[in-house]
Amino acid sequence: MRLIQFETQQGQRQVGVVNGERIDVVRGTRSTRELALTAIRNQRNLQAQVEAQGVDAGPLYRELLDAKRVLAPLDHEDPAHCLISGTGLTHLGSASTRDKMHQQAEEAETKLTDTMQMFRWGMQGGRPTPGTPGAQPEWFYKGDGSIVVRPGANFPAPDFAEDFGEEPELTGLYVIGDDCLPYRIGYALGNEFSDHVVERKNYLYLAHSKLRYCSFGPEVRLGELPRHLAGMSRIHRGDTLLWEKEFLSGEENMCHSLENLEYHHFKYAQFLRPGDVHVHFFGTATLSFADGIKAQPGDQFEISLDAFGEPLRNGIEIKQTDFIAGTVKAL
């Protein structure tokens, strides 16, 4: 089962089940989060909760997408209670690009960069016995719910950005229950938009490079994740296909198990506040930046994977920075 969130023509929020060309509207709920909390309290999985509440025939899916009325498949009415985070160096092959970005020219070939050392830790200990903590992955903070762009909308890139780089990834979507435990709703396609030029200057700038908008969806896939997934990442410039490349995900293509990545995120008590929403990017091994591509405002990103339904598409536009240096005021 795959779910979406969308707005009616009157601006009312609804949750829908993807049913071919049409959307079936879930009765009695306005958000995926609300639906998930109800399922947790009723001790049901999400699909069983949808079936218990029932559905009504809804609009054509294509009409919703064309009108840009599809929302991210999970959010919180208070964006401050939605945490966007991620892990890197999690996929086989992901270290190569990062290592080239971070390796200093004067370093001997035999010396491991910090990037390669962390990747090696993942290869050696990222797949522990189930129920046992393994190697700790790279982790980063991206923002709260205010930096999420709905499917089909443009990424507002700050005017100080030095790069507009896509990162095609899978995301895990979670709600924290009343019992302070995380419940995984499912998985969605994601574009973890980043600034790779800033990151390349020094790996300690990674935190700065991640503070950009992102997008995920349009659908959340319920249930377990297939172990092998192959999708396509594309950049369109006008009517021209500027770049395309296959990206792989799923545990067969990762050096960390999903359970291990989830453990090292949710082991922190501050991430277990009842009612909060978490969106976690699981990493990628495919970047157009690694192929010398420089996206620019007006380009369109497209990330597709058959098992996740409709592609995730987003453009780029420049957003003027409101804050001016030297304007912090003392009280």
C-alpha atoms as a PDB file:
ATOM      1  CA  MET A   1       0.000   0.000   0.000  1.00  0.00           C
ATOM      2  CA  ARG A   2       1.174   3.516  -0.838  1.00  0.00           C
ATOM      3  CA  LEU A   3      -0.220   6.677   0.738  1.00  0.00           C
ATOM      4  CA  ILE A   4      -0.132  10.362  -0.145  1.00  0.00           C
ATOM      5  CA  GLN A   5      -1.208  13.570   1.551  1.00  0.00           C
ATOM      6  CA  PHE A   6      -2.928  16.189  -0.580  1.00  0.00           C
ATOM      7  CA  GLU A   7      -5.041  19.323  -0.542  1.00  0.00           C
ATOM      8  CA  THR A   8      -8.512  19.627  -2.009  1.00  0.00           C
ATOM      9  CA  GLN A   9      -9.392  22.563  -4.254  1.00  0.00           C
ATOM     10  CA  GLN A  10     -10.769  24.224  -1.105  1.00  0.00           C
ATOM     11  CA  GLY A  11      -7.430  23.780   0.697  1.00  0.00           C
ATOM     12  CA  GLN A  12      -8.570  20.981   3.008  1.00  0.00           C
ATOM     13  CA  ARG A  13      -6.020  18.284   3.823  1.00  0.00           C
ATOM     14  CA  GLN A  14      -6.708  14.616   3.126  1.00  0.00           C
ATOM     15  CA  VAL A  15      -4.866  11.289   3.140  1.00  0.00           C
ATOM     16  CA  GLY A  16      -5.198   9.065   0.089  1.00  0.00           C
ATOM     17  CA  VAL A  17      -4.402   5.517  -0.969  1.00  0.00           C
ATOM     18  CA  VAL A  18      -2.874   5.221  -4.441  1.00  0.00           C
ATOM     19  CA  ASN A  19      -5.236   3.055  -6.499  1.00  0.00           C
ATOM     20  CA  GLY A  20      -4.010   3.107 -10.077  1.00  0.00           C
ATOM     21  CA  GLU A  21      -4.951   6.399 -11.746  1.00  0.00           C
ATOM     22  CA  ARG A  22      -7.171   7.428  -8.841  1.00  0.00           C
ATOM     23  CA  ILE A  23      -6.759   8.244  -5.185  1.00  0.00           C
ATOM     24  CA  ASP A  24      -9.014   6.645  -2.587  1.00  0.00           C
ATOM     25  CA  VAL A  25      -9.589   9.076   0.288  1.00  0.00           C
ATOM     26  CA  VAL A  26      -9.171   7.687   3.810  1.00  0.00           C
ATOM     27  CA  ARG A  27     -12.165   8.547   5.951  1.00  0.00           C
ATOM     28  CA  GLY A  28     -11.922  10.455   9.213  1.00  0.00           C
ATOM     29  CA  THR A  29      -8.351  11.769   9.058  1.00  0.00           C
ATOM     30  CA  ARG A  30      -6.541  14.886   7.875  1.00  0.00           C
ATOM     31  CA  SER A  31      -2.926  13.729   8.057  1.00  0.00           C
ATOM     32  CA  THR A  32      -0.679  10.677   7.904  1.00  0.00           C
ATOM     33  CA  ARG A  33       0.597  11.546  11.371  1.00  0.00           C
ATOM     34  CA  GLU A  34      -2.925  11.544  12.809  1.00  0.00           C
ATOM     35  CA  LEU A  35      -3.660   8.243  11.072  1.00  0.00           C
ATOM     36  CA  ALA A  36      -0.435   6.700  12.383  1.00  0.00           C
ATOM     37  CA  LEU A  37      -1.037   7.761  15.999  1.00  0.00           C
ATOM     38  CA  THR A  38      -4.547   6.284  15.804  1.00  0.00           C
ATOM     39  CA  ALA A  39      -3.081   3.010  14.509  1.00  0.00           C
ATOM     40  CA  ILE A  40      -0.511   2.929  17.321  1.00  0.00           C
ATOM     41  CA  ARG A  41      -3.184   3.500  19.965  1.00  0.00           C
ATOM     42  CA  ASN A  42      -5.356   0.780  18.422  1.00  0.00           C
ATOM     43  CA  GLN A  43      -2.352  -1.583  18.230  1.00  0.00           C
ATOM     44  CA  ARG A  44      -2.775  -1.987  14.475  1.00  0.00           C
ATOM     45  CA  ASN A  45      -0.414  -1.555  11.582  1.00  0.00           C
ATOM     46  CA  LEU A  46      -1.114   1.347   9.263  1.00  0.00           C
ATOM     47  CA  GLN A  47      -2.700  -0.707   6.485  1.00  0.00           C
ATOM     48  CA  ALA A  48      -5.103  -2.329   8.949  1.00  0.00           C
ATOM     49  CA  GLN A  49      -6.028   1.117  10.299  1.00  0.00           C
ATOM     50  CA  VAL A  50      -6.799   2.372   6.779  1.00  0.00           C
ATOM     51  CA  GLU A  51      -8.980  -0.668   6.174  1.00  0.00           C
ATOM     52  CA  ALA A  52     -10.767  -0.165   9.508  1.00  0.00           C
ATOM     53  CA  GLN A  53     -11.567   3.492   8.728  1.00  0.00           C
ATOM     54  CA  GLY A  54     -12.504   2.801   5.113  1.00  0.00           C
ATOM     55  CA  VAL A  55     -12.003   4.835   1.947  1.00  0.00           C
ATOM     56  CA  ASP A  56     -14.073   6.777  -0.568  1.00  0.00           C
ATOM     57  CA  ALA A  57     -13.367   7.273  -4.257  1.00  0.00           C
ATOM     58  CA  GLY A  58     -11.315  10.402  -4.753  1.00  0.00           C
ATOM     59  CA  PRO A  59      -9.678  12.542  -7.443  1.00  0.00           C
ATOM     60  CA  LEU A  60      -7.435  11.569 -10.323  1.00  0.00           C
ATOM     61  CA  TYR A  61      -3.839  11.312  -9.152  1.00  0.00           C
ATOM     62  CA  ARG A  62      -2.474  13.068 -12.240  1.00  0.00           C
ATOM     63  CA  GLU A  63      -4.722  16.075 -11.653  1.00  0.00           C
ATOM     64  CA  LEU A  64      -3.379  16.443  -8.098  1.00  0.00           C
ATOM     65  CA  LEU A  65       0.223  16.225  -9.293  1.00  0.00           C
ATOM     66  CA  ASP A  66      -0.281  18.689 -12.142  1.00  0.00           C
ATOM     67  CA  ALA A  67      -1.976  21.176  -9.789  1.00  0.00           C
ATOM     68  CA  LYS A  68       0.866  20.740  -7.232  1.00  0.00           C
ATOM     69  CA  ARG A  69      -1.667  19.832  -4.545  1.00  0.00           C
ATOM     70  CA  VAL A  70       0.277  16.775  -3.371  1.00  0.00           C
ATOM     71  CA  LEU A  71       2.046  17.372  -0.056  1.00  0.00           C
ATOM     72  CA  ALA A  72       4.989  15.555   1.492  1.00  0.00           C
ATOM     73  CA  PRO A  73       3.590  12.179   2.635  1.00  0.00           C
ATOM     74  CA  LEU A  74       4.327  12.915   6.322  1.00  0.00           C
ATOM     75  CA  ASP A  75       4.534  16.178   8.247  1.00  0.00           C
ATOM     76  CA  HIS A  76       3.606  17.858  11.532  1.00  0.00           C
ATOM     77  CA  GLU A  77       1.231  20.780  11.946  1.00  0.00           C
ATOM     78  CA  ASP A  78       4.017  22.457  13.953  1.00  0.00           C
ATOM     79  CA  PRO A  79       7.156  22.248  11.742  1.00  0.00           C
ATOM     80  CA  ALA A  80       9.399  22.560  14.812  1.00  0.00           C
ATOM     81  CA  HIS A  81       8.246  19.059  15.814  1.00  0.00           C
ATOM     82  CA  CYS A  82       9.461  17.490  12.556  1.00  0.00           C
ATOM     83  CA  LEU A  83      13.178  16.649  12.494  1.00  0.00           C
ATOM     84  CA  ILE A  84      14.957  16.128   9.152  1.00  0.00           C
ATOM     85  CA  SER A  85      18.247  14.247   9.488  1.00  0.00           C
ATOM     86  CA  GLY A  86      20.390  11.790   7.581  1.00  0.00           C
ATOM     87  CA  THR A  87      23.333   9.444   7.437  1.00  0.00           C
ATOM     88  CA  GLY A  88      26.176   9.323   4.933  1.00  0.00           C
ATOM     89  CA  LEU A  89      28.761   6.782   3.744  1.00  0.00           C
ATOM     90  CA  THR A  90      26.107   4.089   4.052  1.00  0.00           C
ATOM     91  CA  HIS A  91      26.047   2.711   0.493  1.00  0.00           C
ATOM     92  CA  LEU A  92      28.617   0.547  -1.271  1.00  0.00           C
ATOM     93  CA  GLY A  93      30.551   2.855  -3.547  1.00  0.00           C
ATOM     94  CA  SER A  94      29.548   6.000  -1.652  1.00  0.00           C
ATOM     95  CA  ALA A  95      33.031   6.572  -0.249  1.00  0.00           C
ATOM     96  CA  SER A  96      34.766   7.069  -3.594  1.00  0.00           C
ATOM     97  CA  THR A  97      33.253  10.467  -4.456  1.00  0.00           C
ATOM     98  CA  ARG A  98      33.438  11.733  -0.904  1.00  0.00           C
ATOM     99  CA  ASP A  99      37.069  10.654  -0.570  1.00  0.00           C
ATOM    100  CA  LYS A 100      38.062  12.530  -3.708  1.00  0.00           C
ATOM    101  CA  MET A 101      36.305  15.608  -2.369  1.00  0.00           C
ATOM    102  CA  HIS A 102      38.079  15.467   0.981  1.00  0.00           C
ATOM    103  CA  GLN A 103      41.511  14.069   0.209  1.00  0.00           C
ATOM    104  CA  GLN A 104      44.309  16.651   0.435  1.00  0.00           C
ATOM    105  CA  ALA A 105      46.849  16.684  -2.383  1.00  0.00           C
ATOM    106  CA  GLU A 106      49.818  16.440  -0.033  1.00  0.00           C
ATOM    107  CA  GLU A 107      48.516  13.288   1.691  1.00  0.00           C
ATOM    108  CA  ALA A 108      50.255  10.031   0.890  1.00  0.00           C
ATOM    109  CA  GLU A 109      48.173   7.496  -1.004  1.00  0.00           C
ATOM    110  CA  THR A 110      48.626   5.037   1.861  1.00  0.00           C
ATOM    111  CA  LYS A 111      47.042   7.354   4.430  1.00  0.00           C
ATOM    112  CA  LEU A 112      43.309   6.909   4.985  1.00  0.00           C
ATOM    113  CA  THR A 113      41.201  10.030   4.986  1.00  0.00           C
ATOM    114  CA  ASP A 114      38.599  10.387   7.723  1.00  0.00           C
ATOM    115  CA  THR A 115      36.005   9.633   5.041  1.00  0.00           C
ATOM    116  CA  MET A 116      37.581   6.301   4.121  1.00  0.00           C
ATOM    117  CA  GLN A 117      38.129   5.408   7.770  1.00  0.00           C
ATOM    118  CA  MET A 118      34.454   5.905   8.570  1.00  0.00           C
ATOM    119  CA  PHE A 119      33.429   3.953   5.474  1.00  0.00           C
ATOM    120  CA  ARG A 120      35.724   1.103   6.534  1.00  0.00           C
ATOM    121  CA  TRP A 121      34.103   1.056   9.983  1.00  0.00           C
ATOM    122  CA  GLY A 122      30.754   0.671   8.268  1.00  0.00           C
ATOM    123  CA  MET A 123      32.022  -2.166   6.080  1.00  0.00           C
ATOM    124  CA  GLN A 124      33.444  -3.949   9.110  1.00  0.00           C
ATOM    125  CA  GLY A 125      30.667  -3.349  11.636  1.00  0.00           C
ATOM    126  CA  GLY A 126      27.623  -1.784   9.978  1.00  0.00           C
ATOM    127  CA  ARG A 127      25.664  -5.041   9.793  1.00  0.00           C
ATOM    128  CA  PRO A 128      25.593  -6.377  13.347  1.00  0.00           C
ATOM    129  CA  THR A 129      23.511  -9.286  14.593  1.00  0.00           C
ATOM    130  CA  PRO A 130      19.851  -8.127  14.740  1.00  0.00           C
ATOM    131  CA  GLY A 131      19.132  -6.477  18.083  1.00  0.00           C
ATOM    132  CA  THR A 132      22.805  -5.559  18.590  1.00  0.00           C
ATOM    133  CA  PRO A 133      24.345  -2.080  18.025  1.00  0.00           C
ATOM    134  CA  GLY A 134      26.909  -1.926  15.246  1.00  0.00           C
ATOM    135  CA  ALA A 135      29.334   0.694  13.939  1.00  0.00           C
ATOM    136  CA  GLN A 136      28.097   4.256  14.279  1.00  0.00           C
ATOM    137  CA  PRO A 137      27.489   5.949  10.895  1.00  0.00           C
ATOM    138  CA  GLU A 138      28.074   9.541   9.892  1.00  0.00           C
ATOM    139  CA  TRP A 139      25.025  11.570  10.999  1.00  0.00           C
ATOM    140  CA  PHE A 140      23.879  15.064  10.052  1.00  0.00           C
ATOM    141  CA  TYR A 141      21.123  17.519  10.909  1.00  0.00           C
ATOM    142  CA  LYS A 142      19.296  19.002   7.938  1.00  0.00           C
ATOM    143  CA  GLY A 143      16.550  21.109   9.488  1.00  0.00           C
ATOM    144  CA  ASP A 144      13.003  21.013  10.768  1.00  0.00           C
ATOM    145  CA  GLY A 145       9.746  20.667   8.844  1.00  0.00           C
ATOM    146  CA  SER A 146      10.003  24.215   7.505  1.00  0.00           C
ATOM    147  CA  ILE A 147      12.715  23.174   5.027  1.00  0.00           C
ATOM    148  CA  VAL A 148      10.579  20.516   3.330  1.00  0.00           C
ATOM    149  CA  VAL A 149       9.422  21.367  -0.204  1.00  0.00           C
ATOM    150  CA  ARG A 150       6.340  19.585  -1.519  1.00  0.00           C
ATOM    151  CA  PRO A 151       6.706  17.339  -4.577  1.00  0.00           C
ATOM    152  CA  GLY A 152       6.683  19.369  -7.781  1.00  0.00           C
ATOM    153  CA  ALA A 153       7.777  22.619  -6.122  1.00  0.00           C
ATOM    154  CA  ASN A 154      11.123  24.413  -6.488  1.00  0.00           C
ATOM    155  CA  PHE A 155      13.963  24.248  -3.998  1.00  0.00           C
ATOM    156  CA  PRO A 156      14.598  27.802  -2.708  1.00  0.00           C
ATOM    157  CA  ALA A 157      18.397  27.957  -2.858  1.00  0.00           C
ATOM    158  CA  PRO A 158      19.972  30.750  -0.777  1.00  0.00           C
ATOM    159  CA  ASP A 159      21.779  33.439  -2.719  1.00  0.00           C
ATOM    160  CA  PHE A 160      25.027  32.503  -0.941  1.00  0.00           C
ATOM    161  CA  ALA A 161      24.860  28.882  -2.216  1.00  0.00           C
ATOM    162  CA  GLU A 162      27.825  27.711  -4.289  1.00  0.00           C
ATOM    163  CA  ASP A 163      26.188  24.558  -5.654  1.00  0.00           C
ATOM    164  CA  PHE A 164      22.687  23.187  -6.273  1.00  0.00           C
ATOM    165  CA  GLY A 165      23.260  19.456  -6.000  1.00  0.00           C
ATOM    166  CA  GLU A 166      20.712  16.631  -5.929  1.00  0.00           C
ATOM    167  CA  GLU A 167      21.122  13.522  -3.781  1.00  0.00           C
ATOM    168  CA  PRO A 168      18.726  10.690  -4.730  1.00  0.00           C
ATOM    169  CA  GLU A 169      17.981   8.731  -1.568  1.00  0.00           C
ATOM    170  CA  LEU A 170      15.452   6.669   0.303  1.00  0.00           C
ATOM    171  CA  THR A 171      13.980   8.176   3.445  1.00  0.00           C
ATOM    172  CA  GLY A 172      12.520   6.508   6.506  1.00  0.00           C
ATOM    173  CA  LEU A 173       9.378   8.189   7.887  1.00  0.00           C
ATOM    174  CA  TYR A 174       8.642   7.871  11.614  1.00  0.00           C
ATOM    175  CA  VAL A 175       6.202   8.976  14.312  1.00  0.00           C
ATOM    176  CA  ILE A 176       6.968   8.784  18.037  1.00  0.00           C
ATOM    177  CA  GLY A 177       4.174   7.051  19.941  1.00  0.00           C
ATOM    178  CA  ASP A 178       2.719   7.864  23.356  1.00  0.00           C
ATOM    179  CA  ASP A 179       5.063   5.196  24.735  1.00  0.00           C
ATOM    180  CA  CYS A 180       8.128   7.224  23.600  1.00  0.00           C
ATOM    181  CA  LEU A 181       9.029   4.602  20.983  1.00  0.00           C
ATOM    182  CA  PRO A 182       9.601   5.287  17.278  1.00  0.00           C
ATOM    183  CA  TYR A 183       7.183   3.720  14.802  1.00  0.00           C
ATOM    184  CA  ARG A 184       8.229   3.475  11.167  1.00  0.00           C
ATOM    185  CA  ILE A 185       5.387   4.450   8.860  1.00  0.00           C
ATOM    186  CA  GLY A 186       7.261   3.421   5.737  1.00  0.00           C
ATOM    187  CA  TYR A 187       9.736   4.654   3.147  1.00  0.00           C
ATOM    188  CA  ALA A 188       9.705   7.372   0.494  1.00  0.00           C
ATOM    189  CA  LEU A 189      11.898   8.651  -2.324  1.00  0.00           C
ATOM    190  CA  GLY A 190      13.923  11.667  -1.294  1.00  0.00           C
ATOM    191  CA  ASN A 191      16.086  14.421  -2.766  1.00  0.00           C
ATOM    192  CA  GLU A 192      18.508  15.534  -0.076  1.00  0.00           C
ATOM    193  CA  PHE A 193      19.477  18.773  -1.846  1.00  0.00           C
ATOM    194  CA  SER A 194      22.988  19.862  -0.757  1.00  0.00           C
ATOM    195  CA  ASP A 195      25.891  22.208  -1.520  1.00  0.00           C
ATOM    196  CA  HIS A 196      28.783  19.994  -2.612  1.00  0.00           C
ATOM    197  CA  VAL A 197      31.143  22.864  -3.450  1.00  0.00           C
ATOM    198  CA  VAL A 198      31.014  24.038   0.162  1.00  0.00           C
ATOM    199  CA  GLU A 199      31.520  20.473   1.401  1.00  0.00           C
ATOM    200  CA  ARG A 200      34.494  19.919  -0.930  1.00  0.00           C
ATOM    201  CA  LYS A 201      36.403  22.827   0.627  1.00  0.00           C
ATOM    202  CA  ASN A 202      36.744  20.914   3.887  1.00  0.00           C
ATOM    203  CA  TYR A 203      34.838  17.960   5.304  1.00  0.00           C
ATOM    204  CA  LEU A 204      34.198  20.011   8.451  1.00  0.00           C
ATOM    205  CA  TYR A 205      31.910  22.145   6.273  1.00  0.00           C
ATOM    206  CA  LEU A 206      29.616  19.142   5.785  1.00  0.00           C
ATOM    207  CA  ALA A 207      27.203  20.531   8.407  1.00  0.00           C
ATOM    208  CA  HIS A 208      26.914  23.831   6.488  1.00  0.00           C
ATOM    209  CA  SER A 209      26.448  22.060   3.151  1.00  0.00           C
ATOM    210  CA  LYS A 210      23.419  20.150   4.466  1.00  0.00           C
ATOM    211  CA  LEU A 211      21.464  23.210   5.662  1.00  0.00           C
ATOM    212  CA  ARG A 212      19.363  23.417   2.526  1.00  0.00           C
ATOM    213  CA  TYR A 213      15.770  22.607   1.570  1.00  0.00           C
ATOM    214  CA  CYS A 214      14.826  19.029   0.699  1.00  0.00           C
ATOM    215  CA  SER A 215      11.897  17.033  -0.666  1.00  0.00           C
ATOM    216  CA  PHE A 216      10.503  13.520  -0.297  1.00  0.00           C
ATOM    217  CA  GLY A 217       7.570  11.589  -1.682  1.00  0.00           C
ATOM    218  CA  PRO A 218       5.191  11.960  -3.353  1.00  0.00           C
ATOM    219  CA  GLU A 219       4.230   8.571  -1.869  1.00  0.00           C
ATOM    220  CA  VAL A 220       5.117   6.647   1.262  1.00  0.00           C
ATOM    221  CA  ARG A 221       5.414   2.893   0.745  1.00  0.00           C
ATOM    222  CA  LEU A 222       4.184   0.871   3.721  1.00  0.00           C
ATOM    223  CA  GLY A 223       5.746  -2.371   4.896  1.00  0.00           C
ATOM    224  CA  GLU A 224       9.236  -3.787   4.525  1.00  0.00           C
ATOM    225  CA  LEU A 225      11.785  -2.410   2.078  1.00  0.00           C
ATOM    226  CA  PRO A 226      12.991  -4.676  -0.773  1.00  0.00           C
ATOM    227  CA  ARG A 227      16.634  -5.628  -0.292  1.00  0.00           C
ATOM    228  CA  HIS A 228      17.613  -4.517  -3.794  1.00  0.00           C
ATOM    229  CA  LEU A 229      16.292  -1.349  -5.417  1.00  0.00           C
ATOM    230  CA  ALA A 230      17.412   0.320  -8.654  1.00  0.00           C
ATOM    231  CA  GLY A 231      16.130   3.728  -9.680  1.00  0.00           C
ATOM    232  CA  MET A 232      17.077   6.625 -11.945  1.00  0.00           C
ATOM    233  CA  SER A 233      18.244  10.128 -11.128  1.00  0.00           C
ATOM    234  CA  ARG A 234      17.861  12.736 -13.877  1.00  0.00           C
ATOM    235  CA  ILE A 235      18.385  16.456 -14.457  1.00  0.00           C
ATOM    236  CA  HIS A 236      16.353  18.214 -17.159  1.00  0.00           C
ATOM    237  CA  ARG A 237      17.334  21.613 -18.555  1.00  0.00           C
ATOM    238  CA  GLY A 238      14.400  22.876 -20.530  1.00  0.00           C
ATOM    239  CA  ASP A 239      13.560  20.191 -23.099  1.00  0.00           C
ATOM    240  CA  THR A 240      17.042  18.651 -22.812  1.00  0.00           C
ATOM    241  CA  LEU A 241      18.021  15.709 -20.624  1.00  0.00           C
ATOM    242  CA  LEU A 242      21.208  17.119 -19.095  1.00  0.00           C
ATOM    243  CA  TRP A 243      22.236  14.048 -17.076  1.00  0.00           C
ATOM    244  CA  GLU A 244      20.921  10.689 -15.928  1.00  0.00           C
ATOM    245  CA  LYS A 245      22.321   7.811 -13.911  1.00  0.00           C
ATOM    246  CA  GLU A 246      21.096   4.720 -12.125  1.00  0.00           C
ATOM    247  CA  PHE A 247      21.168   4.722  -8.344  1.00  0.00           C
ATOM    248  CA  LEU A 248      21.044   1.642  -6.146  1.00  0.00           C
ATOM    249  CA  SER A 249      19.638   1.253  -2.661  1.00  0.00           C
ATOM    250  CA  GLY A 250      18.234  -1.381  -0.329  1.00  0.00           C
ATOM    251  CA  GLU A 251      20.327  -3.365   2.126  1.00  0.00           C
ATOM    252  CA  GLU A 252      22.017  -5.455  -0.583  1.00  0.00           C
ATOM    253  CA  ASN A 253      23.672  -2.229  -1.762  1.00  0.00           C
ATOM    254  CA  MET A 254      24.496  -0.804   1.668  1.00  0.00           C
ATOM    255  CA  CYS A 255      27.298  -1.327   4.167  1.00  0.00           C
ATOM    256  CA  HIS A 256      24.951  -0.550   7.089  1.00  0.00           C
ATOM    257  CA  SER A 257      21.733  -2.363   7.927  1.00  0.00           C
ATOM    258  CA  LEU A 258      18.652  -0.175   8.217  1.00  0.00           C
ATOM    259  CA  GLU A 259      18.195  -1.410  11.782  1.00  0.00           C
ATOM    260  CA  ASN A 260      21.677  -0.152  12.656  1.00  0.00           C
ATOM    261  CA  LEU A 261      21.024   3.275  11.108  1.00  0.00           C
ATOM    262  CA  GLU A 262      17.732   3.550  12.999  1.00  0.00           C
ATOM    263  CA  TYR A 263      19.354   2.541  16.282  1.00  0.00           C
ATOM    264  CA  HIS A 264      22.062   5.189  16.029  1.00  0.00           C
ATOM    265  CA  HIS A 265      19.450   7.883  15.403  1.00  0.00           C
ATOM    266  CA  PHE A 266      16.830   6.968  17.969  1.00  0.00           C
ATOM    267  CA  LYS A 267      19.272   6.067  20.756  1.00  0.00           C
ATOM    268  CA  TYR A 268      19.240   9.775  21.685  1.00  0.00           C
ATOM    269  CA  ALA A 269      16.521  10.551  24.227  1.00  0.00           C
ATOM    270  CA  GLN A 270      15.729  13.967  22.713  1.00  0.00           C
ATOM    271  CA  PHE A 271      14.510  12.181  19.559  1.00  0.00           C
ATOM    272  CA  LEU A 272      11.832  10.224  21.434  1.00  0.00           C
ATOM    273  CA  ARG A 273       9.290  12.944  22.249  1.00  0.00           C
ATOM    274  CA  PRO A 274       5.713  11.638  21.852  1.00  0.00           C
ATOM    275  CA  GLY A 275       3.947  12.927  18.750  1.00  0.00           C
ATOM    276  CA  ASP A 276       7.083  14.135  16.972  1.00  0.00           C
ATOM    277  CA  VAL A 277       7.812  13.273  13.346  1.00  0.00           C
ATOM    278  CA  HIS A 278      11.202  12.193  11.982  1.00  0.00           C
ATOM    279  CA  VAL A 279      12.323  12.034   8.357  1.00  0.00           C
ATOM    280  CA  HIS A 280      15.688  10.316   7.956  1.00  0.00           C
ATOM    281  CA  PHE A 281      17.695  10.213   4.714  1.00  0.00           C
ATOM    282  CA  PHE A 282      19.624   6.947   4.348  1.00  0.00           C
ATOM    283  CA  GLY A 283      22.371   8.113   1.980  1.00  0.00           C
ATOM    284  CA  THR A 284      23.368   7.645  -1.653  1.00  0.00           C
ATOM    285  CA  ALA A 285      26.261   6.632  -3.883  1.00  0.00           C
ATOM    286  CA  THR A 286      25.154   8.632  -6.961  1.00  0.00           C
ATOM    287  CA  LEU A 287      25.716  12.369  -7.517  1.00  0.00           C
ATOM    288  CA  SER A 288      25.719  14.393 -10.727  1.00  0.00           C
ATOM    289  CA  PHE A 289      28.374  16.558  -9.042  1.00  0.00           C
ATOM    290  CA  ALA A 290      30.779  13.597  -9.236  1.00  0.00           C
ATOM    291  CA  ASP A 291      30.348  13.622 -13.029  1.00  0.00           C
ATOM    292  CA  GLY A 292      31.188  17.316 -13.312  1.00  0.00           C
ATOM    293  CA  ILE A 293      27.583  18.475 -13.692  1.00  0.00           C
ATOM    294  CA  LYS A 294      26.605  21.851 -12.250  1.00  0.00           C
ATOM    295  CA  ALA A 295      22.860  22.293 -11.932  1.00  0.00           C
ATOM    296  CA  GLN A 296      21.469  25.816 -12.177  1.00  0.00           C
ATOM    297  CA  PRO A 297      18.224  27.665 -11.426  1.00  0.00           C
ATOM    298  CA  GLY A 298      15.511  26.552 -13.818  1.00  0.00           C
ATOM    299  CA  ASP A 299      16.725  22.940 -13.991  1.00  0.00           C
ATOM    300  CA  GLN A 300      14.414  20.124 -12.936  1.00  0.00           C
ATOM    301  CA  PHE A 301      15.445  17.120 -10.855  1.00  0.00           C
ATOM    302  CA  GLU A 302      13.629  13.820 -11.328  1.00  0.00           C
ATOM    303  CA  ILE A 303      14.111  10.798  -9.060  1.00  0.00           C
ATOM    304  CA  SER A 304      12.219   7.646  -9.971  1.00  0.00           C
ATOM    305  CA  LEU A 305      11.950   4.110  -8.667  1.00  0.00           C
ATOM    306  CA  ASP A 306       9.155   1.810  -9.820  1.00  0.00           C
ATOM    307  CA  ALA A 307       8.493   0.357  -6.363  1.00  0.00           C
ATOM    308  CA  PHE A 308       7.651   3.854  -5.088  1.00  0.00           C
ATOM    309  CA  GLY A 309       5.121   4.928  -7.688  1.00  0.00           C
ATOM    310  CA  GLU A 310       5.273   8.418  -9.176  1.00  0.00           C
ATOM    311  CA  PRO A 311       8.691  10.120  -9.548  1.00  0.00           C
ATOM    312  CA  LEU A 312       9.791  12.922  -7.242  1.00  0.00           C
ATOM    313  CA  ARG A 313      10.315  16.119  -9.242  1.00  0.00           C
ATOM    314  CA  ASN A 314      11.654  19.481  -8.044  1.00  0.00           C
ATOM    315  CA  GLY A 315      13.132  22.587  -9.640  1.00  0.00           C
ATOM    316  CA  ILE A 316      15.580  25.230  -8.386  1.00  0.00           C
ATOM    317  CA  GLU A 317      15.075  28.920  -7.734  1.00  0.00           C
ATOM    318  CA  ILE A 318      17.195  31.499  -5.930  1.00  0.00           C
ATOM    319  CA  LYS A 319      15.877  32.852  -2.641  1.00  0.00           C
ATOM    320  CA  GLN A 320      17.257  36.165  -1.443  1.00  0.00           C
ATOM    321  CA  THR A 321      18.776  35.938   2.027  1.00  0.00           C
ATOM    322  CA  ASP A 322      16.744  38.070   4.436  1.00  0.00           C
ATOM    323  CA  PHE A 323      19.349  38.256   7.176  1.00  0.00           C
ATOM    324  CA  ILE A 324      22.092  40.861   6.812  1.00  0.00           C
ATOM    325  CA  ALA A 325      25.465  40.562   8.536  1.00  0.00           C
ATOM    326  CA  GLY A 326      25.831  42.824  11.543  1.00  0.00           C
ATOM    327  CA  THR A 327      22.119  43.105  12.324  1.00  0.00           C
ATOM    328  CA  VAL A 328      22.049  40.992  15.480  1.00  0.00           C
ATOM    329  CA  LYS A 329      20.819  43.296  18.231  1.00  0.00           C
ATOM    330  CA  ALA A 330      21.780  43.217  21.890  1.00  0.00           C
ATOM    331  CA  LEU A 331      19.011  43.421  24.501  1.00  0.00           C
END
